[in-house]
Amino acid sequence: NRMMTDDEQCASGPHRRGFTFGLAVLGLAAVSLLVLVVQQRSGSQGKRLAGGSGAIALNTACHTAVKGESCYDGVIWAMEHGIRDNPSRYQGLTKRSDFVEFQALLHRNGSHEDCGQPCGTAEVAAEDA
């Protein structure tokens, strides 16, 4: 068994792990800062990924309604009654559409003011950039 030199110990020991951890923390901070800048520049409506008609905007501020919230009750009503009673108000949806799809429609058409854009969706921007 030979003893490691100071350089060998530094390259593989706690100093190296500390350096690697520091780089990881710095990288995470940089990514967090980038996300914050993108959110501030794009506002709560999202960030445009492609120009022109039909561009997709990724949602940066979303919330899928949960039980106990007014939006949740509105979505459930739309799923159970609204689409059956007045299907023309729910264009693009069917009785088999899921909760998030119904909430997204209520958000887009403004028929339920408490419904924000649900998470896990991409909004399709109809207007040119």
C-alpha atoms as a PDB file:
ATOM      1  CA  ASN A   1       0.000   0.000   0.000  1.00  0.00           C
ATOM      2  CA  ARG A   2       1.448   3.292  -1.063  1.00  0.00           C
ATOM      3  CA  MET A   3       0.382   6.665   0.260  1.00  0.00           C
ATOM      4  CA  MET A   4      -1.406   8.998  -2.107  1.00  0.00           C
ATOM      5  CA  THR A   5       0.188  12.322  -2.945  1.00  0.00           C
ATOM      6  CA  ASP A   6      -1.574  15.562  -2.084  1.00  0.00           C
ATOM      7  CA  ASP A   7      -2.606  15.978  -5.741  1.00  0.00           C
ATOM      8  CA  GLU A   8      -4.106  12.474  -5.859  1.00  0.00           C
ATOM      9  CA  GLN A   9      -6.015  13.044  -2.621  1.00  0.00           C
ATOM     10  CA  CYS A  10      -7.386  16.356  -3.862  1.00  0.00           C
ATOM     11  CA  ALA A  11      -8.505  14.848  -7.187  1.00  0.00           C
ATOM     12  CA  SER A  12     -10.476  12.025  -5.573  1.00  0.00           C
ATOM     13  CA  GLY A  13     -11.214  13.089  -2.041  1.00  0.00           C
ATOM     14  CA  PRO A  14     -13.649  15.376  -0.280  1.00  0.00           C
ATOM     15  CA  HIS A  15     -12.290  18.469  -2.056  1.00  0.00           C
ATOM     16  CA  ARG A  16     -13.336  17.020  -5.421  1.00  0.00           C
ATOM     17  CA  ARG A  17     -16.791  16.095  -4.145  1.00  0.00           C
ATOM     18  CA  GLY A  18     -17.226  19.570  -2.682  1.00  0.00           C
ATOM     19  CA  PHE A  19     -16.230  21.133  -5.987  1.00  0.00           C
ATOM     20  CA  THR A  20     -18.659  18.897  -7.898  1.00  0.00           C
ATOM     21  CA  PHE A  21     -21.461  19.725  -5.465  1.00  0.00           C
ATOM     22  CA  GLY A  22     -20.688  23.426  -5.813  1.00  0.00           C
ATOM     23  CA  LEU A  23     -20.908  23.179  -9.596  1.00  0.00           C
ATOM     24  CA  ALA A  24     -24.238  21.368  -9.332  1.00  0.00           C
ATOM     25  CA  VAL A  25     -25.649  24.078  -7.044  1.00  0.00           C
ATOM     26  CA  LEU A  26     -24.364  26.795  -9.369  1.00  0.00           C
ATOM     27  CA  GLY A  27     -25.947  25.059 -12.371  1.00  0.00           C
ATOM     28  CA  LEU A  28     -29.280  24.727 -10.580  1.00  0.00           C
ATOM     29  CA  ALA A  29     -29.196  28.406  -9.637  1.00  0.00           C
ATOM     30  CA  ALA A  30     -28.473  29.356 -13.260  1.00  0.00           C
ATOM     31  CA  VAL A  31     -31.388  27.271 -14.547  1.00  0.00           C
ATOM     32  CA  SER A  32     -33.714  28.748 -11.905  1.00  0.00           C
ATOM     33  CA  LEU A  33     -32.676  32.258 -12.901  1.00  0.00           C
ATOM     34  CA  LEU A  34     -33.265  31.467 -16.578  1.00  0.00           C
ATOM     35  CA  VAL A  35     -36.767  30.142 -15.828  1.00  0.00           C
ATOM     36  CA  LEU A  36     -37.554  33.279 -13.819  1.00  0.00           C
ATOM     37  CA  VAL A  37     -36.390  35.556 -16.649  1.00  0.00           C
ATOM     38  CA  VAL A  38     -38.470  33.635 -19.211  1.00  0.00           C
ATOM     39  CA  GLN A  39     -41.549  33.833 -16.978  1.00  0.00           C
ATOM     40  CA  GLN A  40     -41.129  37.578 -16.463  1.00  0.00           C
ATOM     41  CA  ARG A  41     -40.672  38.254 -20.174  1.00  0.00           C
ATOM     42  CA  SER A  42     -43.555  36.072 -21.285  1.00  0.00           C
ATOM     43  CA  GLY A  43     -46.010  36.899 -18.512  1.00  0.00           C
ATOM     44  CA  SER A  44     -48.473  34.339 -17.235  1.00  0.00           C
ATOM     45  CA  GLN A  45     -49.699  33.412 -20.705  1.00  0.00           C
ATOM     46  CA  GLY A  46     -46.638  31.441 -21.683  1.00  0.00           C
ATOM     47  CA  LYS A  47     -43.729  31.583 -24.056  1.00  0.00           C
ATOM     48  CA  ARG A  48     -43.989  31.277 -27.808  1.00  0.00           C
ATOM     49  CA  LEU A  49     -41.976  28.402 -29.241  1.00  0.00           C
ATOM     50  CA  ALA A  50     -42.627  28.985 -32.927  1.00  0.00           C
ATOM     51  CA  GLY A  51     -43.647  32.040 -34.893  1.00  0.00           C
ATOM     52  CA  GLY A  52     -46.583  32.385 -37.219  1.00  0.00           C
ATOM     53  CA  SER A  53     -50.075  31.022 -37.267  1.00  0.00           C
ATOM     54  CA  GLY A  54     -50.667  28.033 -35.028  1.00  0.00           C
ATOM     55  CA  ALA A  55     -47.618  28.725 -32.849  1.00  0.00           C
ATOM     56  CA  ILE A  56     -47.565  26.770 -29.614  1.00  0.00           C
ATOM     57  CA  ALA A  57     -47.229  28.625 -26.325  1.00  0.00           C
ATOM     58  CA  LEU A  58     -46.033  26.609 -23.356  1.00  0.00           C
ATOM     59  CA  ASN A  59     -47.870  27.556 -20.239  1.00  0.00           C
ATOM     60  CA  THR A  60     -45.624  28.964 -17.515  1.00  0.00           C
ATOM     61  CA  ALA A  61     -48.334  29.673 -14.945  1.00  0.00           C
ATOM     62  CA  CYS A  62     -50.841  26.880 -14.586  1.00  0.00           C
ATOM     63  CA  HIS A  63     -53.116  25.338 -12.004  1.00  0.00           C
ATOM     64  CA  THR A  64     -55.336  22.320 -12.386  1.00  0.00           C
ATOM     65  CA  ALA A  65     -58.412  22.823 -10.224  1.00  0.00           C
ATOM     66  CA  VAL A  66     -58.888  20.581  -7.202  1.00  0.00           C
ATOM     67  CA  LYS A  67     -61.943  19.560  -5.206  1.00  0.00           C
ATOM     68  CA  GLY A  68     -63.200  22.415  -3.064  1.00  0.00           C
ATOM     69  CA  GLU A  69     -62.426  25.121  -5.638  1.00  0.00           C
ATOM     70  CA  SER A  70     -65.096  26.933  -7.642  1.00  0.00           C
ATOM     71  CA  CYS A  71     -63.407  26.011 -10.931  1.00  0.00           C
ATOM     72  CA  TYR A  72     -63.431  22.325 -10.006  1.00  0.00           C
ATOM     73  CA  ASP A  73     -67.186  22.459  -9.448  1.00  0.00           C
ATOM     74  CA  GLY A  74     -67.646  24.245 -12.775  1.00  0.00           C
ATOM     75  CA  VAL A  75     -65.582  21.667 -14.648  1.00  0.00           C
ATOM     76  CA  ILE A  76     -67.474  18.774 -13.072  1.00  0.00           C
ATOM     77  CA  TRP A  77     -70.800  20.413 -13.958  1.00  0.00           C
ATOM     78  CA  ALA A  78     -69.650  20.960 -17.551  1.00  0.00           C
ATOM     79  CA  MET A  79     -68.526  17.322 -17.823  1.00  0.00           C
ATOM     80  CA  GLU A  80     -71.696  15.850 -16.324  1.00  0.00           C
ATOM     81  CA  HIS A  81     -74.403  18.254 -17.506  1.00  0.00           C
ATOM     82  CA  GLY A  82     -73.182  21.069 -19.741  1.00  0.00           C
ATOM     83  CA  ILE A  83     -71.886  18.987 -22.627  1.00  0.00           C
ATOM     84  CA  ARG A  84     -75.070  16.883 -22.643  1.00  0.00           C
ATOM     85  CA  ASP A  85     -77.478  19.828 -22.371  1.00  0.00           C
ATOM     86  CA  ASN A  86     -75.666  22.199 -24.726  1.00  0.00           C
ATOM     87  CA  PRO A  87     -72.903  20.425 -26.711  1.00  0.00           C
ATOM     88  CA  SER A  88     -72.385  23.373 -29.078  1.00  0.00           C
ATOM     89  CA  ARG A  89     -70.836  25.342 -26.190  1.00  0.00           C
ATOM     90  CA  TYR A  90     -68.136  22.683 -25.817  1.00  0.00           C
ATOM     91  CA  GLN A  91     -66.724  22.554 -29.340  1.00  0.00           C
ATOM     92  CA  GLY A  92     -63.769  20.226 -29.653  1.00  0.00           C
ATOM     93  CA  LEU A  93     -64.803  18.211 -26.597  1.00  0.00           C
ATOM     94  CA  THR A  94     -66.790  15.025 -26.257  1.00  0.00           C
ATOM     95  CA  LYS A  95     -68.449  13.297 -23.328  1.00  0.00           C
ATOM     96  CA  ARG A  96     -65.208  11.299 -23.074  1.00  0.00           C
ATOM     97  CA  SER A  97     -62.901  14.335 -22.828  1.00  0.00           C
ATOM     98  CA  ASP A  98     -60.946  14.498 -19.582  1.00  0.00           C
ATOM     99  CA  PHE A  99     -61.001  17.012 -16.736  1.00  0.00           C
ATOM    100  CA  VAL A 100     -57.972  18.962 -17.979  1.00  0.00           C
ATOM    101  CA  GLU A 101     -59.478  19.339 -21.465  1.00  0.00           C
ATOM    102  CA  PHE A 102     -62.714  20.723 -20.000  1.00  0.00           C
ATOM    103  CA  GLN A 103     -60.837  23.116 -17.701  1.00  0.00           C
ATOM    104  CA  ALA A 104     -58.707  24.318 -20.627  1.00  0.00           C
ATOM    105  CA  LEU A 105     -61.853  25.116 -22.629  1.00  0.00           C
ATOM    106  CA  LEU A 106     -63.472  26.957 -19.711  1.00  0.00           C
ATOM    107  CA  HIS A 107     -60.256  28.959 -19.354  1.00  0.00           C
ATOM    108  CA  ARG A 108     -60.020  29.757 -23.085  1.00  0.00           C
ATOM    109  CA  ASN A 109     -63.609  30.867 -23.546  1.00  0.00           C
ATOM    110  CA  GLY A 110     -63.797  32.668 -20.196  1.00  0.00           C
ATOM    111  CA  SER A 111     -67.059  30.985 -19.261  1.00  0.00           C
ATOM    112  CA  HIS A 112     -65.817  30.347 -15.728  1.00  0.00           C
ATOM    113  CA  GLU A 113     -63.713  33.250 -14.472  1.00  0.00           C
ATOM    114  CA  ASP A 114     -62.090  31.211 -11.697  1.00  0.00           C
ATOM    115  CA  CYS A 115     -60.610  28.670 -14.121  1.00  0.00           C
ATOM    116  CA  GLY A 116     -57.002  29.283 -15.008  1.00  0.00           C
ATOM    117  CA  GLN A 117     -55.018  27.337 -17.583  1.00  0.00           C
ATOM    118  CA  PRO A 118     -54.607  23.777 -16.268  1.00  0.00           C
ATOM    119  CA  CYS A 119     -51.156  22.222 -16.062  1.00  0.00           C
ATOM    120  CA  GLY A 120     -50.022  19.694 -18.623  1.00  0.00           C
ATOM    121  CA  THR A 121     -51.427  21.466 -21.667  1.00  0.00           C
ATOM    122  CA  ALA A 122     -50.030  23.487 -24.529  1.00  0.00           C
ATOM    123  CA  GLU A 123     -52.038  26.428 -25.739  1.00  0.00           C
ATOM    124  CA  VAL A 124     -52.210  26.847 -29.484  1.00  0.00           C
ATOM    125  CA  ALA A 125     -51.924  30.503 -30.340  1.00  0.00           C
ATOM    126  CA  ALA A 126     -54.297  31.373 -33.159  1.00  0.00           C
ATOM    127  CA  GLU A 127     -52.739  34.734 -33.937  1.00  0.00           C
ATOM    128  CA  ASP A 128     -49.470  35.499 -35.707  1.00  0.00           C
ATOM    129  CA  ALA A 129     -46.475  36.516 -33.599  1.00  0.00           C
END
